[in-house]
PDB file of N, CA and C in Angstrom:
ATOM      1  N   MET A   1      16.094  36.293 -11.909  1.00  0.00           N
ATOM      2  CA  MET A   1      16.002  34.844 -11.957  1.00  0.00           C
ATOM      3  C   MET A   1      14.892  34.395 -11.000  1.00  0.00           C
ATOM      4  N   PRO A   2      13.905  33.652 -11.496  1.00  0.00           N
ATOM      5  CA  PRO A   2      12.799  33.246 -10.623  1.00  0.00           C
ATOM      6  C   PRO A   2      13.240  32.208  -9.600  1.00  0.00           C
ATOM      7  N   ARG A   3      12.630  32.294  -8.451  1.00  0.00           N
ATOM      8  CA  ARG A   3      12.907  31.306  -7.404  1.00  0.00           C
ATOM      9  C   ARG A   3      12.123  30.037  -7.667  1.00  0.00           C
ATOM     10  N   SER A   4      12.730  28.917  -7.376  1.00  0.00           N
ATOM     11  CA  SER A   4      11.997  27.659  -7.520  1.00  0.00           C
ATOM     12  C   SER A   4      11.133  27.455  -6.288  1.00  0.00           C
ATOM     13  N   ARG A   5       9.938  26.971  -6.512  1.00  0.00           N
ATOM     14  CA  ARG A   5       9.033  26.725  -5.397  1.00  0.00           C
ATOM     15  C   ARG A   5       9.188  25.299  -4.925  1.00  0.00           C
ATOM     16  N   ARG A   6       9.250  25.146  -3.649  1.00  0.00           N
ATOM     17  CA  ARG A   6       9.345  23.813  -3.059  1.00  0.00           C
ATOM     18  C   ARG A   6       7.940  23.309  -2.777  1.00  0.00           C
ATOM     19  N   ARG A   7       7.702  22.074  -3.147  1.00  0.00           N
ATOM     20  CA  ARG A   7       6.402  21.477  -2.849  1.00  0.00           C
ATOM     21  C   ARG A   7       6.353  21.139  -1.372  1.00  0.00           C
ATOM     22  N   ARG A   8       5.254  21.496  -0.748  1.00  0.00           N
ATOM     23  CA  ARG A   8       5.093  21.198   0.665  1.00  0.00           C
ATOM     24  C   ARG A   8       4.618  19.770   0.830  1.00  0.00           C
ATOM     25  N   LYS A   9       5.236  19.076   1.715  1.00  0.00           N
ATOM     26  CA  LYS A   9       4.866  17.701   2.007  1.00  0.00           C
ATOM     27  C   LYS A   9       3.589  17.691   2.836  1.00  0.00           C
ATOM     28  N   GLN A  10       2.667  16.787   2.483  1.00  0.00           N
ATOM     29  CA  GLN A  10       1.478  16.627   3.306  1.00  0.00           C
ATOM     30  C   GLN A  10       1.910  16.041   4.634  1.00  0.00           C
ATOM     31  N   ARG A  11       1.404  16.593   5.691  1.00  0.00           N
ATOM     32  CA  ARG A  11       1.786  16.113   7.013  1.00  0.00           C
ATOM     33  C   ARG A  11       0.562  15.636   7.777  1.00  0.00           C
ATOM     34  N   GLN A  12       0.830  14.766   8.737  1.00  0.00           N
ATOM     35  CA  GLN A  12      -0.221  14.326   9.632  1.00  0.00           C
ATOM     36  C   GLN A  12      -0.632  15.515  10.498  1.00  0.00           C
ATOM     37  N   PRO A  13      -1.888  15.583  10.891  1.00  0.00           N
ATOM     38  CA  PRO A  13      -2.305  16.635  11.817  1.00  0.00           C
ATOM     39  C   PRO A  13      -1.487  16.566  13.105  1.00  0.00           C
ATOM     40  N   LEU A  14      -1.189  17.713  13.675  1.00  0.00           N
ATOM     41  CA  LEU A  14      -0.391  17.769  14.892  1.00  0.00           C
ATOM     42  C   LEU A  14      -1.088  17.043  16.032  1.00  0.00           C
ATOM     43  N   GLY A  15      -0.292  16.400  16.867  1.00  0.00           N
ATOM     44  CA  GLY A  15      -0.820  15.721  18.040  1.00  0.00           C
ATOM     45  C   GLY A  15      -1.173  14.266  17.832  1.00  0.00           C
ATOM     46  N   GLN A  16      -1.080  13.755  16.601  1.00  0.00           N
ATOM     47  CA  GLN A  16      -1.384  12.342  16.374  1.00  0.00           C
ATOM     48  C   GLN A  16      -0.147  11.500  16.627  1.00  0.00           C
ATOM     49  N   SER A  17      -0.373  10.307  17.130  1.00  0.00           N
ATOM     50  CA  SER A  17       0.748   9.413  17.397  1.00  0.00           C
ATOM     51  C   SER A  17       1.254   8.811  16.092  1.00  0.00           C
ATOM     52  N   PRO A  18       2.526   8.403  16.067  1.00  0.00           N
ATOM     53  CA  PRO A  18       3.068   7.767  14.862  1.00  0.00           C
ATOM     54  C   PRO A  18       2.279   6.513  14.517  1.00  0.00           C
ATOM     55  N   GLY A  19       2.053   6.310  13.219  1.00  0.00           N
ATOM     56  CA  GLY A  19       1.312   5.146  12.766  1.00  0.00           C
ATOM     57  C   GLY A  19      -0.178   5.392  12.637  1.00  0.00           C
ATOM     58  N   THR A  20      -0.613   6.633  12.869  1.00  0.00           N
ATOM     59  CA  THR A  20      -2.026   6.958  12.685  1.00  0.00           C
ATOM     60  C   THR A  20      -2.298   7.108  11.197  1.00  0.00           C
ATOM     61  N   LEU A  21      -3.266   6.364  10.694  1.00  0.00           N
ATOM     62  CA  LEU A  21      -3.563   6.378   9.267  1.00  0.00           C
ATOM     63  C   LEU A  21      -4.682   7.380   8.981  1.00  0.00           C
ATOM     64  N   THR A  22      -4.318   8.495   8.359  1.00  0.00           N
ATOM     65  CA  THR A  22      -5.270   9.530   7.999  1.00  0.00           C
ATOM     66  C   THR A  22      -5.318   9.614   6.490  1.00  0.00           C
ATOM     67  N   ILE A  23      -6.442   9.249   5.909  1.00  0.00           N
ATOM     68  CA  ILE A  23      -6.585   9.271   4.457  1.00  0.00           C
ATOM     69  C   ILE A  23      -6.878  10.703   4.022  1.00  0.00           C
ATOM     70  N   PRO A  24      -6.077  11.240   3.099  1.00  0.00           N
ATOM     71  CA  PRO A  24      -6.308  12.607   2.634  1.00  0.00           C
ATOM     72  C   PRO A  24      -7.655  12.756   1.938  1.00  0.00           C
ATOM     73  N   GLU A  25      -8.240  13.917   2.054  1.00  0.00           N
ATOM     74  CA  GLU A  25      -9.521  14.194   1.398  1.00  0.00           C
ATOM     75  C   GLU A  25      -9.345  14.083  -0.116  1.00  0.00           C
ATOM     76  N   GLY A  26     -10.266  13.433  -0.762  1.00  0.00           N
ATOM     77  CA  GLY A  26     -10.225  13.273  -2.217  1.00  0.00           C
ATOM     78  C   GLY A  26      -9.299  12.168  -2.697  1.00  0.00           C
ATOM     79  N   ALA A  27      -8.826  11.306  -1.790  1.00  0.00           N
ATOM     80  CA  ALA A  27      -7.944  10.205  -2.188  1.00  0.00           C
ATOM     81  C   ALA A  27      -8.701   9.263  -3.128  1.00  0.00           C
ATOM     82  N   PRO A  28      -8.050   8.780  -4.183  1.00  0.00           N
ATOM     83  CA  PRO A  28      -8.732   7.917  -5.153  1.00  0.00           C
ATOM     84  C   PRO A  28      -9.106   6.557  -4.565  1.00  0.00           C
ATOM     85  N   THR A  29     -10.200   6.007  -5.060  1.00  0.00           N
ATOM     86  CA  THR A  29     -10.644   4.670  -4.666  1.00  0.00           C
ATOM     87  C   THR A  29      -9.633   3.650  -5.173  1.00  0.00           C
ATOM     88  N   PRO A  30      -9.241   2.682  -4.342  1.00  0.00           N
ATOM     89  CA  PRO A  30      -8.207   1.724  -4.756  1.00  0.00           C
ATOM     90  C   PRO A  30      -8.669   0.738  -5.826  1.00  0.00           C
ATOM     91  N   ARG A  31      -7.727   0.406  -6.698  1.00  0.00           N
ATOM     92  CA  ARG A  31      -7.874  -0.692  -7.659  1.00  0.00           C
ATOM     93  C   ARG A  31      -6.758  -1.677  -7.351  1.00  0.00           C
ATOM     94  N   LEU A  32      -7.097  -2.956  -7.314  1.00  0.00           N
ATOM     95  CA  LEU A  32      -6.133  -3.986  -6.927  1.00  0.00           C
ATOM     96  C   LEU A  32      -5.855  -4.936  -8.078  1.00  0.00           C
ATOM     97  N   ARG A  33      -4.614  -5.328  -8.181  1.00  0.00           N
ATOM     98  CA  ARG A  33      -4.194  -6.328  -9.166  1.00  0.00           C
ATOM     99  C   ARG A  33      -3.207  -7.257  -8.470  1.00  0.00           C
ATOM    100  N   LEU A  34      -3.527  -8.541  -8.450  1.00  0.00           N
ATOM    101  CA  LEU A  34      -2.678  -9.534  -7.792  1.00  0.00           C
ATOM    102  C   LEU A  34      -2.130 -10.491  -8.828  1.00  0.00           C
ATOM    103  N   SER A  35      -0.805 -10.603  -8.875  1.00  0.00           N
ATOM    104  CA  SER A  35      -0.136 -11.556  -9.774  1.00  0.00           C
ATOM    105  C   SER A  35       0.519 -12.620  -8.911  1.00  0.00           C
ATOM    106  N   ARG A  36       0.286 -13.883  -9.272  1.00  0.00           N
ATOM    107  CA  ARG A  36       0.891 -15.008  -8.555  1.00  0.00           C
ATOM    108  C   ARG A  36       1.793 -15.759  -9.512  1.00  0.00           C
ATOM    109  N   TYR A  37       3.053 -15.905  -9.121  1.00  0.00           N
ATOM    110  CA  TYR A  37       4.068 -16.542  -9.963  1.00  0.00           C
ATOM    111  C   TYR A  37       4.510 -17.844  -9.327  1.00  0.00           C
ATOM    112  N   THR A  38       4.497 -18.923 -10.116  1.00  0.00           N
ATOM    113  CA  THR A  38       5.093 -20.192  -9.706  1.00  0.00           C
ATOM    114  C   THR A  38       6.013 -20.640 -10.839  1.00  0.00           C
ATOM    115  N   ALA A  39       6.695 -21.747 -10.642  1.00  0.00           N
ATOM    116  CA  ALA A  39       7.579 -22.259 -11.687  1.00  0.00           C
ATOM    117  C   ALA A  39       6.793 -22.695 -12.919  1.00  0.00           C
ATOM    118  N   GLN A  40       5.515 -23.048 -12.722  1.00  0.00           N
ATOM    119  CA  GLN A  40       4.705 -23.554 -13.829  1.00  0.00           C
ATOM    120  C   GLN A  40       3.777 -22.512 -14.453  1.00  0.00           C
ATOM    121  N   SER A  41       3.418 -21.461 -13.719  1.00  0.00           N
ATOM    122  CA  SER A  41       2.393 -20.555 -14.247  1.00  0.00           C
ATOM    123  C   SER A  41       2.480 -19.153 -13.664  1.00  0.00           C
ATOM    124  N   VAL A  42       1.742 -18.266 -14.334  1.00  0.00           N
ATOM    125  CA  VAL A  42       1.528 -16.905 -13.852  1.00  0.00           C
ATOM    126  C   VAL A  42       0.021 -16.668 -13.912  1.00  0.00           C
ATOM    127  N   VAL A  43      -0.561 -16.294 -12.780  1.00  0.00           N
ATOM    128  CA  VAL A  43      -1.994 -16.016 -12.709  1.00  0.00           C
ATOM    129  C   VAL A  43      -2.163 -14.565 -12.282  1.00  0.00           C
ATOM    130  N   VAL A  44      -2.957 -13.812 -13.048  1.00  0.00           N
ATOM    131  CA  VAL A  44      -3.186 -12.399 -12.749  1.00  0.00           C
ATOM    132  C   VAL A  44      -4.669 -12.181 -12.486  1.00  0.00           C
ATOM    133  N   ASP A  45      -4.980 -11.623 -11.322  1.00  0.00           N
ATOM    134  CA  ASP A  45      -6.351 -11.242 -10.964  1.00  0.00           C
ATOM    135  C   ASP A  45      -6.417  -9.720 -11.020  1.00  0.00           C
ATOM    136  N   ASP A  46      -7.050  -9.192 -12.052  1.00  0.00           N
ATOM    137  CA  ASP A  46      -7.180  -7.742 -12.200  1.00  0.00           C
ATOM    138  C   ASP A  46      -8.546  -7.321 -11.671  1.00  0.00           C
ATOM    139  N   GLY A  47      -8.613  -6.220 -10.971  1.00  0.00           N
ATOM    140  CA  GLY A  47      -9.877  -5.778 -10.402  1.00  0.00           C
ATOM    141  C   GLY A  47     -10.285  -6.585  -9.191  1.00  0.00           C
ATOM    142  N   LEU A  48      -9.321  -7.044  -8.428  1.00  0.00           N
ATOM    143  CA  LEU A  48      -9.564  -7.869  -7.247  1.00  0.00           C
ATOM    144  C   LEU A  48     -10.286  -7.056  -6.174  1.00  0.00           C
ATOM    145  N   ALA A  49     -11.216  -7.668  -5.478  1.00  0.00           N
ATOM    146  CA  ALA A  49     -11.926  -7.016  -4.380  1.00  0.00           C
ATOM    147  C   ALA A  49     -11.111  -7.145  -3.094  1.00  0.00           C
ATOM    148  N   PRO A  50     -11.146  -6.141  -2.208  1.00  0.00           N
ATOM    149  CA  PRO A  50     -10.369  -6.210  -0.961  1.00  0.00           C
ATOM    150  C   PRO A  50     -10.671  -7.444  -0.123  1.00  0.00           C
ATOM    151  N   GLN A  51     -11.914  -7.937  -0.117  1.00  0.00           N
ATOM    152  CA  GLN A  51     -12.249  -9.118   0.676  1.00  0.00           C
ATOM    153  C   GLN A  51     -11.628 -10.388   0.108  1.00  0.00           C
ATOM    154  N   ASP A  52     -11.159 -10.369  -1.148  1.00  0.00           N
ATOM    155  CA  ASP A  52     -10.544 -11.545  -1.772  1.00  0.00           C
ATOM    156  C   ASP A  52      -9.026 -11.569  -1.652  1.00  0.00           C
ATOM    157  N   LEU A  53      -8.441 -10.622  -0.935  1.00  0.00           N
ATOM    158  CA  LEU A  53      -6.983 -10.557  -0.829  1.00  0.00           C
ATOM    159  C   LEU A  53      -6.368 -11.794  -0.181  1.00  0.00           C
ATOM    160  N   GLY A  54      -7.050 -12.423   0.745  1.00  0.00           N
ATOM    161  CA  GLY A  54      -6.496 -13.569   1.456  1.00  0.00           C
ATOM    162  C   GLY A  54      -6.591 -14.881   0.709  1.00  0.00           C
ATOM    163  N   ARG A  55      -7.317 -14.889  -0.403  1.00  0.00           N
ATOM    164  CA  ARG A  55      -7.497 -16.128  -1.164  1.00  0.00           C
ATOM    165  C   ARG A  55      -6.149 -16.622  -1.699  1.00  0.00           C
ATOM    166  N   GLY A  56      -5.827 -17.872  -1.418  1.00  0.00           N
ATOM    167  CA  GLY A  56      -4.596 -18.475  -1.907  1.00  0.00           C
ATOM    168  C   GLY A  56      -3.340 -18.003  -1.209  1.00  0.00           C
ATOM    169  N   LEU A  57      -3.488 -17.434  -0.039  1.00  0.00           N
ATOM    170  CA  LEU A  57      -2.327 -16.856   0.649  1.00  0.00           C
ATOM    171  C   LEU A  57      -1.278 -17.897   1.044  1.00  0.00           C
ATOM    172  N   GLY A  58      -1.690 -19.111   1.398  1.00  0.00           N
ATOM    173  CA  GLY A  58      -0.734 -20.130   1.820  1.00  0.00           C
ATOM    174  C   GLY A  58      -0.129 -20.942   0.684  1.00  0.00           C
ATOM    175  N   GLU A  59      -0.546 -20.684  -0.537  1.00  0.00           N
ATOM    176  CA  GLU A  59      -0.055 -21.451  -1.673  1.00  0.00           C
ATOM    177  C   GLU A  59       1.391 -21.079  -2.005  1.00  0.00           C
ATOM    178  N   PRO A  60       2.152 -22.026  -2.583  1.00  0.00           N
ATOM    179  CA  PRO A  60       3.548 -21.721  -2.937  1.00  0.00           C
ATOM    180  C   PRO A  60       3.629 -20.713  -4.076  1.00  0.00           C
ATOM    181  N   GLY A  61       4.755 -20.057  -4.163  1.00  0.00           N
ATOM    182  CA  GLY A  61       4.985 -19.088  -5.228  1.00  0.00           C
ATOM    183  C   GLY A  61       5.150 -17.682  -4.686  1.00  0.00           C
ATOM    184  N   VAL A  62       5.285 -16.762  -5.599  1.00  0.00           N
ATOM    185  CA  VAL A  62       5.490 -15.353  -5.261  1.00  0.00           C
ATOM    186  C   VAL A  62       4.214 -14.587  -5.594  1.00  0.00           C
ATOM    187  N   ARG A  63       3.790 -13.735  -4.693  1.00  0.00           N
ATOM    188  CA  ARG A  63       2.611 -12.889  -4.898  1.00  0.00           C
ATOM    189  C   ARG A  63       3.071 -11.448  -5.037  1.00  0.00           C
ATOM    190  N   TRP A  64       2.557 -10.772  -6.055  1.00  0.00           N
ATOM    191  CA  TRP A  64       2.874  -9.359  -6.295  1.00  0.00           C
ATOM    192  C   TRP A  64       1.546  -8.605  -6.307  1.00  0.00           C
ATOM    193  N   LEU A  65       1.358  -7.727  -5.344  1.00  0.00           N
ATOM    194  CA  LEU A  65       0.106  -6.989  -5.232  1.00  0.00           C
ATOM    195  C   LEU A  65       0.342  -5.535  -5.619  1.00  0.00           C
ATOM    196  N   GLU A  66      -0.432  -5.067  -6.585  1.00  0.00           N
ATOM    197  CA  GLU A  66      -0.377  -3.661  -7.003  1.00  0.00           C
ATOM    198  C   GLU A  66      -1.628  -2.978  -6.473  1.00  0.00           C
ATOM    199  N   VAL A  67      -1.440  -1.880  -5.775  1.00  0.00           N
ATOM    200  CA  VAL A  67      -2.550  -1.094  -5.253  1.00  0.00           C
ATOM    201  C   VAL A  67      -2.445   0.285  -5.872  1.00  0.00           C
ATOM    202  N   GLU A  68      -3.465   0.661  -6.615  1.00  0.00           N
ATOM    203  CA  GLU A  68      -3.494   1.986  -7.250  1.00  0.00           C
ATOM    204  C   GLU A  68      -4.618   2.776  -6.588  1.00  0.00           C
ATOM    205  N   GLY A  69      -4.260   3.779  -5.805  1.00  0.00           N
ATOM    206  CA  GLY A  69      -5.231   4.545  -5.032  1.00  0.00           C
ATOM    207  C   GLY A  69      -5.234   4.063  -3.591  1.00  0.00           C
ATOM    208  N   TYR A  70      -5.548   4.952  -2.668  1.00  0.00           N
ATOM    209  CA  TYR A  70      -5.481   4.587  -1.251  1.00  0.00           C
ATOM    210  C   TYR A  70      -6.617   5.206  -0.434  1.00  0.00           C
ATOM    211  N   GLY A  71      -7.774   5.376  -1.042  1.00  0.00           N
ATOM    212  CA  GLY A  71      -8.883   6.029  -0.368  1.00  0.00           C
ATOM    213  C   GLY A  71      -9.812   5.106   0.384  1.00  0.00           C
ATOM    214  N   ASP A  72      -9.323   3.995   0.932  1.00  0.00           N
ATOM    215  CA  ASP A  72     -10.192   3.049   1.634  1.00  0.00           C
ATOM    216  C   ASP A  72      -9.503   2.568   2.912  1.00  0.00           C
ATOM    217  N   GLN A  73     -10.014   2.976   4.051  1.00  0.00           N
ATOM    218  CA  GLN A  73      -9.436   2.627   5.350  1.00  0.00           C
ATOM    219  C   GLN A  73      -9.475   1.119   5.599  1.00  0.00           C
ATOM    220  N   THR A  74     -10.546   0.443   5.159  1.00  0.00           N
ATOM    221  CA  THR A  74     -10.652  -1.003   5.392  1.00  0.00           C
ATOM    222  C   THR A  74      -9.614  -1.778   4.592  1.00  0.00           C
ATOM    223  N   LEU A  75      -9.260  -1.289   3.408  1.00  0.00           N
ATOM    224  CA  LEU A  75      -8.219  -1.946   2.621  1.00  0.00           C
ATOM    225  C   LEU A  75      -6.878  -1.870   3.344  1.00  0.00           C
ATOM    226  N   LEU A  76      -6.561  -0.716   3.897  1.00  0.00           N
ATOM    227  CA  LEU A  76      -5.303  -0.568   4.622  1.00  0.00           C
ATOM    228  C   LEU A  76      -5.254  -1.491   5.836  1.00  0.00           C
ATOM    229  N   ALA A  77      -6.355  -1.608   6.541  1.00  0.00           N
ATOM    230  CA  ALA A  77      -6.417  -2.527   7.683  1.00  0.00           C
ATOM    231  C   ALA A  77      -6.239  -3.971   7.222  1.00  0.00           C
ATOM    232  N   ARG A  78      -6.810  -4.303   6.086  1.00  0.00           N
ATOM    233  CA  ARG A  78      -6.689  -5.667   5.524  1.00  0.00           C
ATOM    234  C   ARG A  78      -5.244  -5.963   5.123  1.00  0.00           C
ATOM    235  N   LEU A  79      -4.569  -4.995   4.521  1.00  0.00           N
ATOM    236  CA  LEU A  79      -3.160  -5.184   4.154  1.00  0.00           C
ATOM    237  C   LEU A  79      -2.297  -5.384   5.397  1.00  0.00           C
ATOM    238  N   GLU A  80      -2.585  -4.619   6.433  1.00  0.00           N
ATOM    239  CA  GLU A  80      -1.845  -4.760   7.687  1.00  0.00           C
ATOM    240  C   GLU A  80      -2.074  -6.132   8.299  1.00  0.00           C
ATOM    241  N   GLU A  81      -3.311  -6.605   8.259  1.00  0.00           N
ATOM    242  CA  GLU A  81      -3.666  -7.887   8.856  1.00  0.00           C
ATOM    243  C   GLU A  81      -3.101  -9.072   8.065  1.00  0.00           C
ATOM    244  N   LEU A  82      -3.344  -9.113   6.761  1.00  0.00           N
ATOM    245  CA  LEU A  82      -2.971 -10.278   5.950  1.00  0.00           C
ATOM    246  C   LEU A  82      -1.483 -10.343   5.639  1.00  0.00           C
ATOM    247  N   TYR A  83      -0.913  -9.213   5.244  1.00  0.00           N
ATOM    248  CA  TYR A  83       0.470  -9.201   4.772  1.00  0.00           C
ATOM    249  C   TYR A  83       1.448  -8.680   5.809  1.00  0.00           C
ATOM    250  N   ARG A  84       0.934  -8.346   6.991  1.00  0.00           N
ATOM    251  CA  ARG A  84       1.763  -7.851   8.090  1.00  0.00           C
ATOM    252  C   ARG A  84       2.568  -6.621   7.690  1.00  0.00           C
ATOM    253  N   VAL A  85       1.940  -5.748   6.922  1.00  0.00           N
ATOM    254  CA  VAL A  85       2.594  -4.495   6.531  1.00  0.00           C
ATOM    255  C   VAL A  85       2.621  -3.602   7.767  1.00  0.00           C
ATOM    256  N   PRO A  86       3.793  -3.152   8.179  1.00  0.00           N
ATOM    257  CA  PRO A  86       3.860  -2.297   9.372  1.00  0.00           C
ATOM    258  C   PRO A  86       3.057  -1.011   9.182  1.00  0.00           C
ATOM    259  N   ARG A  87       2.428  -0.583  10.245  1.00  0.00           N
ATOM    260  CA  ARG A  87       1.578   0.609  10.207  1.00  0.00           C
ATOM    261  C   ARG A  87       2.381   1.846   9.798  1.00  0.00           C
ATOM    262  N   LEU A  88       3.643   1.936  10.215  1.00  0.00           N
ATOM    263  CA  LEU A  88       4.455   3.098   9.829  1.00  0.00           C
ATOM    264  C   LEU A  88       4.711   3.122   8.323  1.00  0.00           C
ATOM    265  N   ALA A  89       4.813   1.950   7.703  1.00  0.00           N
ATOM    266  CA  ALA A  89       4.980   1.897   6.245  1.00  0.00           C
ATOM    267  C   ALA A  89       3.703   2.362   5.558  1.00  0.00           C
ATOM    268  N   LEU A  90       2.549   1.963   6.084  1.00  0.00           N
ATOM    269  CA  LEU A  90       1.279   2.427   5.520  1.00  0.00           C
ATOM    270  C   LEU A  90       1.120   3.931   5.707  1.00  0.00           C
ATOM    271  N   GLU A  91       1.595   4.443   6.825  1.00  0.00           N
ATOM    272  CA  GLU A  91       1.541   5.891   7.060  1.00  0.00           C
ATOM    273  C   GLU A  91       2.393   6.625   6.026  1.00  0.00           C
ATOM    274  N   ASP A  92       3.546   6.066   5.676  1.00  0.00           N
ATOM    275  CA  ASP A  92       4.395   6.660   4.631  1.00  0.00           C
ATOM    276  C   ASP A  92       3.659   6.749   3.302  1.00  0.00           C
ATOM    277  N   VAL A  93       2.883   5.721   2.984  1.00  0.00           N
ATOM    278  CA  VAL A  93       2.120   5.711   1.736  1.00  0.00           C
ATOM    279  C   VAL A  93       1.133   6.874   1.716  1.00  0.00           C
ATOM    280  N   LEU A  94       0.479   7.102   2.834  1.00  0.00           N
ATOM    281  CA  LEU A  94      -0.547   8.134   2.904  1.00  0.00           C
ATOM    282  C   LEU A  94       0.006   9.547   3.015  1.00  0.00           C
ATOM    283  N   SER A  95       1.270   9.674   3.415  1.00  0.00           N
ATOM    284  CA  SER A  95       1.819  11.013   3.647  1.00  0.00           C
ATOM    285  C   SER A  95       2.102  11.753   2.346  1.00  0.00           C
ATOM    286  N   GLY A  96       2.261  11.044   1.234  1.00  0.00           N
ATOM    287  CA  GLY A  96       2.514  11.708  -0.048  1.00  0.00           C
ATOM    288  C   GLY A  96       3.861  12.402  -0.066  1.00  0.00           C
ATOM    289  N   GLY A  97       4.283  12.796  -1.235  1.00  0.00           N
ATOM    290  CA  GLY A  97       5.542  13.515  -1.360  1.00  0.00           C
ATOM    291  C   GLY A  97       6.783  12.674  -1.104  1.00  0.00           C
ATOM    292  N   GLN A  98       6.630  11.376  -0.925  1.00  0.00           N
ATOM    293  CA  GLN A  98       7.772  10.501  -0.674  1.00  0.00           C
ATOM    294  C   GLN A  98       8.406  10.089  -1.997  1.00  0.00           C
ATOM    295  N   ARG A  99       9.704   9.973  -1.990  1.00  0.00           N
ATOM    296  CA  ARG A  99      10.374   9.402  -3.157  1.00  0.00           C
ATOM    297  C   ARG A  99      10.181   7.893  -3.115  1.00  0.00           C
ATOM    298  N   PRO A 100      10.166   7.233  -4.266  1.00  0.00           N
ATOM    299  CA  PRO A 100      10.003   5.775  -4.265  1.00  0.00           C
ATOM    300  C   PRO A 100      11.126   5.101  -3.483  1.00  0.00           C
ATOM    301  N   LYS A 101      10.765   4.074  -2.743  1.00  0.00           N
ATOM    302  CA  LYS A 101      11.760   3.329  -1.968  1.00  0.00           C
ATOM    303  C   LYS A 101      11.279   1.904  -1.788  1.00  0.00           C
ATOM    304  N   VAL A 102      12.187   1.029  -1.414  1.00  0.00           N
ATOM    305  CA  VAL A 102      11.864  -0.364  -1.130  1.00  0.00           C
ATOM    306  C   VAL A 102      12.350  -0.662   0.278  1.00  0.00           C
ATOM    307  N   GLU A 103      11.474  -1.302   1.053  1.00  0.00           N
ATOM    308  CA  GLU A 103      11.854  -1.697   2.403  1.00  0.00           C
ATOM    309  C   GLU A 103      11.702  -3.207   2.518  1.00  0.00           C
ATOM    310  N   ALA A 104      12.699  -3.871   3.094  1.00  0.00           N
ATOM    311  CA  ALA A 104      12.666  -5.325   3.284  1.00  0.00           C
ATOM    312  C   ALA A 104      12.159  -5.646   4.684  1.00  0.00           C
ATOM    313  N   TYR A 105      11.162  -6.531   4.753  1.00  0.00           N
ATOM    314  CA  TYR A 105      10.623  -7.005   6.015  1.00  0.00           C
ATOM    315  C   TYR A 105      10.773  -8.512   6.044  1.00  0.00           C
ATOM    316  N   GLU A 106      10.449  -9.131   7.182  1.00  0.00           N
ATOM    317  CA  GLU A 106      10.595 -10.579   7.335  1.00  0.00           C
ATOM    318  C   GLU A 106       9.856 -11.362   6.257  1.00  0.00           C
ATOM    319  N   THR A 107       8.657 -10.922   5.920  1.00  0.00           N
ATOM    320  CA  THR A 107       7.814 -11.706   5.012  1.00  0.00           C
ATOM    321  C   THR A 107       7.824 -11.214   3.577  1.00  0.00           C
ATOM    322  N   GLY A 108       8.567 -10.155   3.272  1.00  0.00           N
ATOM    323  CA  GLY A 108       8.584  -9.691   1.890  1.00  0.00           C
ATOM    324  C   GLY A 108       9.113  -8.281   1.739  1.00  0.00           C
ATOM    325  N   LEU A 109       8.941  -7.744   0.559  1.00  0.00           N
ATOM    326  CA  LEU A 109       9.384  -6.390   0.240  1.00  0.00           C
ATOM    327  C   LEU A 109       8.173  -5.475   0.164  1.00  0.00           C
ATOM    328  N   PHE A 110       8.368  -4.232   0.578  1.00  0.00           N
ATOM    329  CA  PHE A 110       7.292  -3.258   0.502  1.00  0.00           C
ATOM    330  C   PHE A 110       7.838  -2.016  -0.149  1.00  0.00           C
TER     331      PHE A 110
END
């Protein structure tokens, strides 16, 4: 009977402090899609540029941001700055091998 192989989890290099964002080599370039929901409308911005993430941030409604790919350090810094995504949550994204999960924070779900 063959043994099942366990996939090795990508780990941060030894000696780094928690919350250090290390982008894996060959990580895909991010694509962004922002959907804004209000009682009257739904607006979808597909192919959004990272510098446009803050546009309309104070407007009423629900914002849903989809990020496909994580190969851009400036995008991660922008997400941390604008949406107050904790650095440890961003580190989880980069570590790979994680099962899908939802975490509730003061300003939203991640």
